[in-house]
């Protein structure tokens, strides 16, 4: 038979796991934001003169 003291321990462990999961998610989001390249820089058309010389 389960002891009533086991119930809070399981939920406490789940709370810790959820907090760690959220912290990891926030770290990943912060890292992605730091490495993000603005769309203006990726969509800017830059002529490639090397390609034109080859033709």
N, C-alpha and C. Protein backbone atom coordinates (compact mmCIF):
# COMPACT_ATOMS: atom_id res chain seq x y z
N UNK A 1 0.84 -1.18 0.00
CA UNK A 1 0.00 0.00 0.00
C UNK A 1 0.88 1.25 0.00
N UNK A 2 0.48 2.27 -0.75
CA UNK A 2 1.29 3.48 -0.86
C UNK A 2 1.16 4.35 0.37
N UNK A 3 2.26 4.92 0.73
CA UNK A 3 2.26 5.85 1.85
C UNK A 3 1.89 7.23 1.32
N UNK A 4 1.14 8.00 2.09
CA UNK A 4 0.73 9.32 1.62
C UNK A 4 1.92 10.26 1.46
N UNK A 5 3.02 9.98 2.08
CA UNK A 5 4.22 10.80 1.95
C UNK A 5 4.87 10.69 0.58
N UNK A 6 4.57 9.60 -0.17
CA UNK A 6 5.15 9.42 -1.51
C UNK A 6 4.57 10.40 -2.52
N UNK A 7 3.33 10.78 -2.35
CA UNK A 7 2.64 11.62 -3.33
C UNK A 7 3.34 12.97 -3.54
N UNK A 8 3.63 13.74 -2.50
CA UNK A 8 4.30 15.03 -2.71
C UNK A 8 5.71 14.87 -3.31
N UNK A 9 6.40 13.80 -2.97
CA UNK A 9 7.75 13.59 -3.49
C UNK A 9 7.71 13.42 -5.01
N UNK A 10 6.72 12.68 -5.50
CA UNK A 10 6.60 12.47 -6.95
C UNK A 10 6.26 13.79 -7.63
N UNK A 11 5.33 14.53 -7.08
CA UNK A 11 4.97 15.79 -7.71
C UNK A 11 6.12 16.80 -7.59
N UNK A 12 6.89 16.72 -6.51
CA UNK A 12 8.06 17.61 -6.35
C UNK A 12 9.09 17.29 -7.43
N UNK A 13 9.30 16.00 -7.67
CA UNK A 13 10.23 15.61 -8.73
C UNK A 13 9.76 16.07 -10.10
N UNK A 14 8.45 15.98 -10.32
CA UNK A 14 7.89 16.45 -11.59
C UNK A 14 8.04 17.96 -11.71
N UNK A 15 7.88 18.67 -10.60
CA UNK A 15 8.04 20.13 -10.63
C UNK A 15 9.48 20.50 -10.96
N UNK A 16 10.43 19.78 -10.37
CA UNK A 16 11.85 20.04 -10.65
C UNK A 16 12.15 19.75 -12.12
N UNK A 17 11.63 18.63 -12.62
CA UNK A 17 11.86 18.27 -14.02
C UNK A 17 11.25 19.32 -14.95
N UNK A 18 10.05 19.79 -14.64
CA UNK A 18 9.40 20.81 -15.46
C UNK A 18 10.21 22.11 -15.43
N UNK A 19 10.74 22.47 -14.27
CA UNK A 19 11.54 23.69 -14.16
C UNK A 19 12.83 23.56 -14.96
N UNK A 20 13.48 22.40 -14.90
CA UNK A 20 14.70 22.18 -15.68
C UNK A 20 14.40 22.23 -17.18
N UNK A 21 13.26 21.64 -17.57
CA UNK A 21 12.86 21.64 -18.98
C UNK A 21 12.63 23.08 -19.46
N UNK A 22 11.96 23.87 -18.66
CA UNK A 22 11.69 25.27 -19.02
C UNK A 22 12.99 26.07 -19.09
N UNK A 23 13.91 25.83 -18.15
CA UNK A 23 15.20 26.53 -18.16
C UNK A 23 15.99 26.17 -19.42
N UNK A 24 15.99 24.90 -19.79
CA UNK A 24 16.69 24.47 -21.01
C UNK A 24 16.07 25.11 -22.24
N UNK A 25 14.75 25.18 -22.26
CA UNK A 25 14.04 25.81 -23.38
C UNK A 25 14.43 27.28 -23.50
N UNK A 26 14.49 27.97 -22.37
CA UNK A 26 14.85 29.38 -22.38
C UNK A 26 16.30 29.58 -22.84
N UNK A 27 17.20 28.67 -22.43
CA UNK A 27 18.60 28.77 -22.88
C UNK A 27 18.69 28.58 -24.39
N UNK A 28 17.94 27.61 -24.93
CA UNK A 28 17.95 27.38 -26.37
C UNK A 28 17.39 28.58 -27.13
N UNK A 29 16.31 29.15 -26.64
CA UNK A 29 15.73 30.32 -27.29
C UNK A 29 16.69 31.51 -27.25
N UNK A 30 17.36 31.71 -26.13
CA UNK A 30 18.33 32.80 -26.02
C UNK A 30 19.50 32.59 -26.96
N UNK A 31 19.98 31.35 -27.07
CA UNK A 31 21.08 31.05 -27.97
C UNK A 31 20.67 31.26 -29.43
N UNK A 32 19.47 30.82 -29.78
CA UNK A 32 18.97 30.99 -31.15
C UNK A 32 18.83 32.47 -31.48
N UNK A 33 18.34 33.24 -30.54
CA UNK A 33 18.19 34.69 -30.77
C UNK A 33 19.55 35.35 -30.95
N UNK A 34 20.54 34.93 -30.17
CA UNK A 34 21.88 35.51 -30.27
C UNK A 34 22.52 35.18 -31.62
N UNK A 35 22.22 34.01 -32.18
CA UNK A 35 22.83 33.58 -33.44
C UNK A 35 21.99 33.96 -34.66
N UNK A 36 20.83 34.56 -34.42
CA UNK A 36 19.90 34.88 -35.51
C UNK A 36 20.50 35.92 -36.45
N UNK A 37 20.29 35.71 -37.74
CA UNK A 37 20.72 36.67 -38.76
C UNK A 37 19.46 37.41 -39.20
N UNK A 38 19.46 38.74 -39.13
CA UNK A 38 18.28 39.49 -39.55
C UNK A 38 17.90 39.19 -41.00
N UNK A 39 16.61 39.15 -41.27
CA UNK A 39 16.13 38.83 -42.62
C UNK A 39 16.66 39.80 -43.65
N UNK A 40 16.86 41.05 -43.27
CA UNK A 40 17.37 42.05 -44.21
C UNK A 40 18.74 41.64 -44.76
N UNK A 41 19.54 40.99 -43.92
CA UNK A 41 20.87 40.58 -44.36
C UNK A 41 20.84 39.34 -45.24
N UNK A 42 19.84 38.49 -45.07
CA UNK A 42 19.80 37.25 -45.85
C UNK A 42 19.09 37.43 -47.18
N UNK A 43 18.27 38.47 -47.33
CA UNK A 43 17.51 38.65 -48.56
C UNK A 43 18.09 39.75 -49.45
N UNK A 44 19.15 40.38 -49.01
CA UNK A 44 19.75 41.45 -49.79
C UNK A 44 20.42 40.86 -51.03
N UNK A 45 20.12 41.42 -52.19
CA UNK A 45 20.70 40.92 -53.44
C UNK A 45 22.09 41.52 -53.61
N UNK A 46 23.07 40.67 -53.76
CA UNK A 46 24.44 41.10 -53.97
C UNK A 46 24.90 40.51 -55.30
N UNK A 47 25.30 41.35 -56.24
CA UNK A 47 25.74 40.80 -57.53
C UNK A 47 27.00 39.96 -57.37
N UNK A 48 27.02 38.85 -58.04
CA UNK A 48 28.18 37.97 -57.99
C UNK A 48 28.95 38.14 -59.29
N UNK A 49 29.96 38.98 -59.26
CA UNK A 49 30.72 39.29 -60.48
C UNK A 49 31.54 38.09 -60.96
N UNK A 50 31.92 37.21 -60.02
CA UNK A 50 32.67 36.02 -60.43
C UNK A 50 31.85 35.16 -61.37
N UNK A 51 30.55 35.04 -61.12
CA UNK A 51 29.68 34.22 -61.95
C UNK A 51 29.55 34.86 -63.32
N UNK A 52 29.46 36.16 -63.40
CA UNK A 52 29.31 36.86 -64.69
C UNK A 52 30.56 36.71 -65.55
N UNK A 53 31.73 36.73 -64.91
CA UNK A 53 32.98 36.60 -65.68
C UNK A 53 33.07 35.25 -66.37
N UNK A 54 32.48 34.23 -65.76
CA UNK A 54 32.56 32.89 -66.32
C UNK A 54 31.73 32.70 -67.58
N UNK A 55 30.85 33.64 -67.88
CA UNK A 55 29.98 33.48 -69.05
C UNK A 55 30.50 34.18 -70.27
